[in-house]
Amino acid sequence: GTYNTYKYNLDYKESSLVNNNENIFQYNYDRIGYTDFSNTNYSFYSYYKKKFDKKGNELTLDFMYADQNNPGNTNMNLTYSNMLDRPPMQNTNKDSQSKNLVFKANYALPFETDKLEMGYNFTYRMKDNNYNVQDYLYRTLTWGDSLQLSNMFKYTENIHALYLTYAAKINNFDVKAGLRSEDLST
């Protein structure tokens, strides 16, 4: 398994000059802000193999789980030379989470020259991204998303799969046939 975590804070100040396509000065702006960001993730993997008395007769199991979380906040103030009375202020909050789970089971049963395999796979994925942007509204003296930049994305997926394969040797040829059934829900 693994575990990772980190956090950082960033203060910044930026000054920009804006010219048109003829290189004539239009306006300038100064941006002052700070960002808080963190990341935490962990994962776990396990593998099991059971061998039976007959050579090639085995059961294998795989399991993997991963979880990740990335919240962050950014606050910034912009001062434009052409909008001195109402400098824009903006707060941005972001939260991103994801989870992944995979489980596999496989059973192999050999015969003299043939082999039968069957198995089951399960996969679960979840992604949740929340991006919230608030700008200061001078008219109402409140914070709101007047630019409609905020969005939320949520996604969940489950996959169940069963399979069966049969491999045979016919003279000098190896032949393999299989069936697979899969159920996917999102």
Protein backbone atom coordinates (compact mmCIF):
# COMPACT_ATOMS: atom_id res chain seq x y z
CA GLY A 1 0.00 0.00 0.00
CA THR A 2 0.95 3.65 -0.33
CA TYR A 3 -0.02 6.86 1.45
CA ASN A 4 0.79 10.38 0.26
CA THR A 5 -0.17 13.75 1.62
CA TYR A 6 1.07 17.26 1.07
CA LYS A 7 -0.09 20.82 1.57
CA TYR A 8 1.13 24.10 0.23
CA ASN A 9 0.31 27.77 0.56
CA LEU A 10 1.23 30.29 -2.09
CA ASP A 11 1.14 34.09 -1.86
CA TYR A 12 1.59 35.94 -5.12
CA LYS A 13 1.64 39.39 -6.64
CA GLU A 14 1.55 39.99 -10.37
CA SER A 15 1.55 43.13 -12.51
CA SER A 16 0.57 43.17 -16.18
CA LEU A 17 0.41 45.71 -18.98
CA VAL A 18 -2.21 45.19 -21.70
CA ASN A 19 -1.63 46.55 -25.20
CA ASN A 20 -3.75 46.17 -28.31
CA ASN A 21 -2.57 44.52 -31.56
CA GLU A 22 -0.88 47.80 -32.59
CA ASN A 23 1.07 47.78 -29.31
CA ILE A 24 -0.82 50.78 -27.93
CA PHE A 25 -1.30 50.77 -24.16
CA GLN A 26 -4.88 49.94 -23.09
CA TYR A 27 -4.73 49.33 -19.34
CA ASN A 28 -2.72 47.62 -16.63
CA TYR A 29 -3.72 45.44 -13.70
CA ASP A 30 -2.21 44.16 -10.48
CA ARG A 31 -3.24 40.81 -9.05
CA ILE A 32 -2.66 39.93 -5.39
CA GLY A 33 -3.76 36.62 -3.96
CA TYR A 34 -3.04 33.45 -2.06
CA THR A 35 -3.76 29.77 -2.57
CA ASP A 36 -4.14 26.92 -0.09
CA PHE A 37 -3.97 23.45 -1.60
CA SER A 38 -3.68 19.94 -0.22
CA ASN A 39 -3.54 16.44 -1.62
CA THR A 40 -4.14 13.17 0.19
CA ASN A 41 -4.16 9.81 -1.50
CA TYR A 42 -3.69 6.24 -0.50
CA SER A 43 -3.87 2.93 -2.27
CA PHE A 44 -3.84 -0.72 -1.33
CA TYR A 45 -3.11 -3.73 -3.52
CA SER A 46 -3.39 -7.40 -2.64
CA TYR A 47 -2.76 -10.56 -4.64
CA TYR A 48 -3.48 -14.18 -3.74
CA LYS A 49 -2.69 -17.37 -5.65
CA LYS A 50 -3.82 -20.84 -4.61
CA LYS A 51 -2.19 -23.76 -6.44
CA PHE A 52 -3.86 -27.15 -6.40
CA ASP A 53 -2.24 -30.60 -6.72
CA LYS A 54 -2.77 -30.76 -10.47
CA LYS A 55 -0.22 -28.66 -12.41
CA GLY A 56 -1.83 -25.52 -13.86
CA ASN A 57 -4.90 -25.82 -11.63
CA GLU A 58 -5.02 -22.52 -9.72
CA LEU A 59 -7.17 -19.78 -8.29
CA THR A 60 -5.96 -16.17 -8.36
CA LEU A 61 -7.48 -13.16 -6.65
CA ASP A 62 -6.49 -9.51 -7.18
CA PHE A 63 -7.72 -6.53 -5.19
CA MET A 64 -6.83 -2.85 -5.64
CA TYR A 65 -8.27 0.24 -3.94
CA ALA A 66 -7.19 3.86 -4.42
CA ASP A 67 -8.61 7.02 -2.86
CA GLN A 68 -7.58 10.60 -3.67
CA ASN A 69 -8.75 13.96 -2.30
CA ASN A 70 -7.55 17.40 -3.50
CA PRO A 71 -9.27 20.41 -1.89
CA GLY A 72 -7.97 23.91 -2.60
CA ASN A 73 -8.90 27.57 -2.11
CA THR A 74 -7.73 30.65 -3.99
CA ASN A 75 -8.55 34.25 -3.14
CA MET A 76 -7.46 37.13 -5.34
CA ASN A 77 -7.94 40.86 -5.75
CA LEU A 78 -7.47 42.56 -9.12
CA THR A 79 -6.88 46.29 -9.47
CA TYR A 80 -7.35 47.63 -13.00
CA SER A 81 -6.13 51.08 -14.05
CA ASN A 82 -9.42 51.59 -15.92
CA MET A 83 -11.68 50.43 -13.00
CA LEU A 84 -10.17 52.05 -9.91
CA ASP A 85 -13.45 52.53 -8.05
CA ARG A 86 -14.43 48.81 -8.06
CA PRO A 87 -11.49 46.43 -8.20
CA PRO A 88 -12.68 42.85 -8.81
CA MET A 89 -12.29 40.35 -5.96
CA GLN A 90 -12.70 36.62 -6.48
CA ASN A 91 -12.68 33.51 -4.27
CA THR A 92 -12.29 30.07 -5.81
CA ASN A 93 -12.85 26.79 -3.98
CA LYS A 94 -12.10 23.45 -5.59
CA ASP A 95 -12.62 19.98 -4.24
CA SER A 96 -11.69 16.94 -6.28
CA GLN A 97 -12.19 13.38 -5.05
CA SER A 98 -11.79 10.05 -6.76
CA LYS A 99 -12.06 6.43 -5.69
CA ASN A 100 -11.18 3.29 -7.64
CA LEU A 101 -11.81 -0.31 -6.65
CA VAL A 102 -10.91 -3.36 -8.74
CA PHE A 103 -11.48 -6.99 -7.80
CA LYS A 104 -10.59 -9.94 -10.05
CA ALA A 105 -11.00 -13.67 -9.53
CA ASN A 106 -9.73 -16.24 -12.01
CA TYR A 107 -9.88 -20.04 -11.88
CA ALA A 108 -7.91 -22.28 -14.27
CA LEU A 109 -8.65 -25.99 -14.67
CA PRO A 110 -6.27 -27.86 -16.98
CA PHE A 111 -6.99 -31.16 -18.74
CA GLU A 112 -4.43 -33.29 -20.61
CA THR A 113 -3.99 -30.86 -23.52
CA ASP A 114 -6.91 -28.50 -22.95
CA LYS A 115 -7.60 -25.79 -20.40
CA LEU A 116 -10.78 -24.24 -19.00
CA GLU A 117 -10.64 -20.77 -17.42
CA MET A 118 -13.38 -18.78 -15.78
CA GLY A 119 -13.40 -15.54 -13.91
CA TYR A 120 -15.12 -12.48 -12.57
CA ASN A 121 -14.03 -8.84 -12.70
CA PHE A 122 -15.55 -5.97 -10.75
CA THR A 123 -14.57 -2.32 -11.24
CA TYR A 124 -15.92 0.69 -9.35
CA ARG A 125 -14.93 4.25 -10.22
CA MET A 126 -16.13 7.48 -8.63
CA LYS A 127 -15.07 11.01 -9.55
CA ASP A 128 -16.45 14.14 -7.90
CA ASN A 129 -15.17 17.58 -8.91
CA ASN A 130 -16.70 20.67 -7.37
CA TYR A 131 -15.43 24.03 -8.67
CA ASN A 132 -16.99 27.07 -7.00
CA VAL A 133 -16.14 30.61 -8.12
CA GLN A 134 -17.50 33.62 -6.20
CA ASP A 135 -16.85 37.22 -7.21
CA TYR A 136 -17.66 40.24 -5.09
CA LEU A 137 -20.84 42.00 -6.23
CA TYR A 138 -20.55 45.69 -5.34
CA ARG A 139 -24.20 46.41 -6.15
CA THR A 140 -25.49 44.07 -3.41
CA LEU A 141 -22.32 43.97 -1.28
CA THR A 142 -22.37 40.15 -1.42
CA TRP A 143 -20.43 37.32 -3.04
CA GLY A 144 -21.94 35.49 -6.04
CA ASP A 145 -21.14 33.67 -9.27
CA SER A 146 -22.07 36.46 -11.68
CA LEU A 147 -19.74 35.08 -14.39
CA GLN A 148 -21.23 31.56 -14.11
CA LEU A 149 -17.82 29.89 -13.82
CA SER A 150 -18.79 27.39 -11.11
CA ASN A 151 -19.49 23.79 -12.05
CA MET A 152 -19.87 20.36 -10.50
CA PHE A 153 -19.00 17.06 -12.15
CA LYS A 154 -20.03 13.76 -10.56
CA TYR A 155 -19.39 10.41 -12.18
CA THR A 156 -19.85 6.87 -10.89
CA GLU A 157 -19.26 3.66 -12.82
CA ASN A 158 -19.76 0.00 -11.90
CA ILE A 159 -18.64 -2.85 -14.16
CA HIS A 160 -19.39 -6.53 -13.52
CA ALA A 161 -17.87 -9.00 -15.97
CA LEU A 162 -17.99 -12.79 -16.16
CA TYR A 163 -15.94 -14.77 -18.64
CA LEU A 164 -15.34 -18.35 -19.67
CA THR A 165 -12.63 -19.58 -22.09
CA TYR A 166 -11.73 -23.00 -23.34
CA ALA A 167 -8.37 -23.66 -25.01
CA ALA A 168 -7.68 -26.86 -26.92
CA LYS A 169 -4.91 -28.31 -29.03
CA ILE A 170 -6.11 -29.89 -32.28
CA ASN A 171 -3.23 -31.48 -34.21
CA ASN A 172 -0.72 -28.65 -34.73
CA PHE A 173 -3.21 -25.88 -33.95
CA ASP A 174 -4.11 -24.14 -30.71
CA VAL A 175 -7.76 -23.13 -30.60
CA LYS A 176 -9.34 -20.88 -27.98
CA ALA A 177 -13.04 -20.01 -27.63
CA GLY A 178 -14.62 -17.79 -25.04
CA LEU A 179 -17.73 -16.07 -23.77
CA ARG A 180 -17.89 -12.81 -21.88
CA SER A 181 -20.82 -11.09 -20.24
CA GLU A 182 -20.50 -7.54 -18.98
CA ASP A 183 -22.83 -5.21 -17.11
CA LEU A 184 -21.89 -1.53 -17.05
CA SER A 185 -23.82 1.11 -15.15
CA THR A 186 -22.85 4.79 -14.99
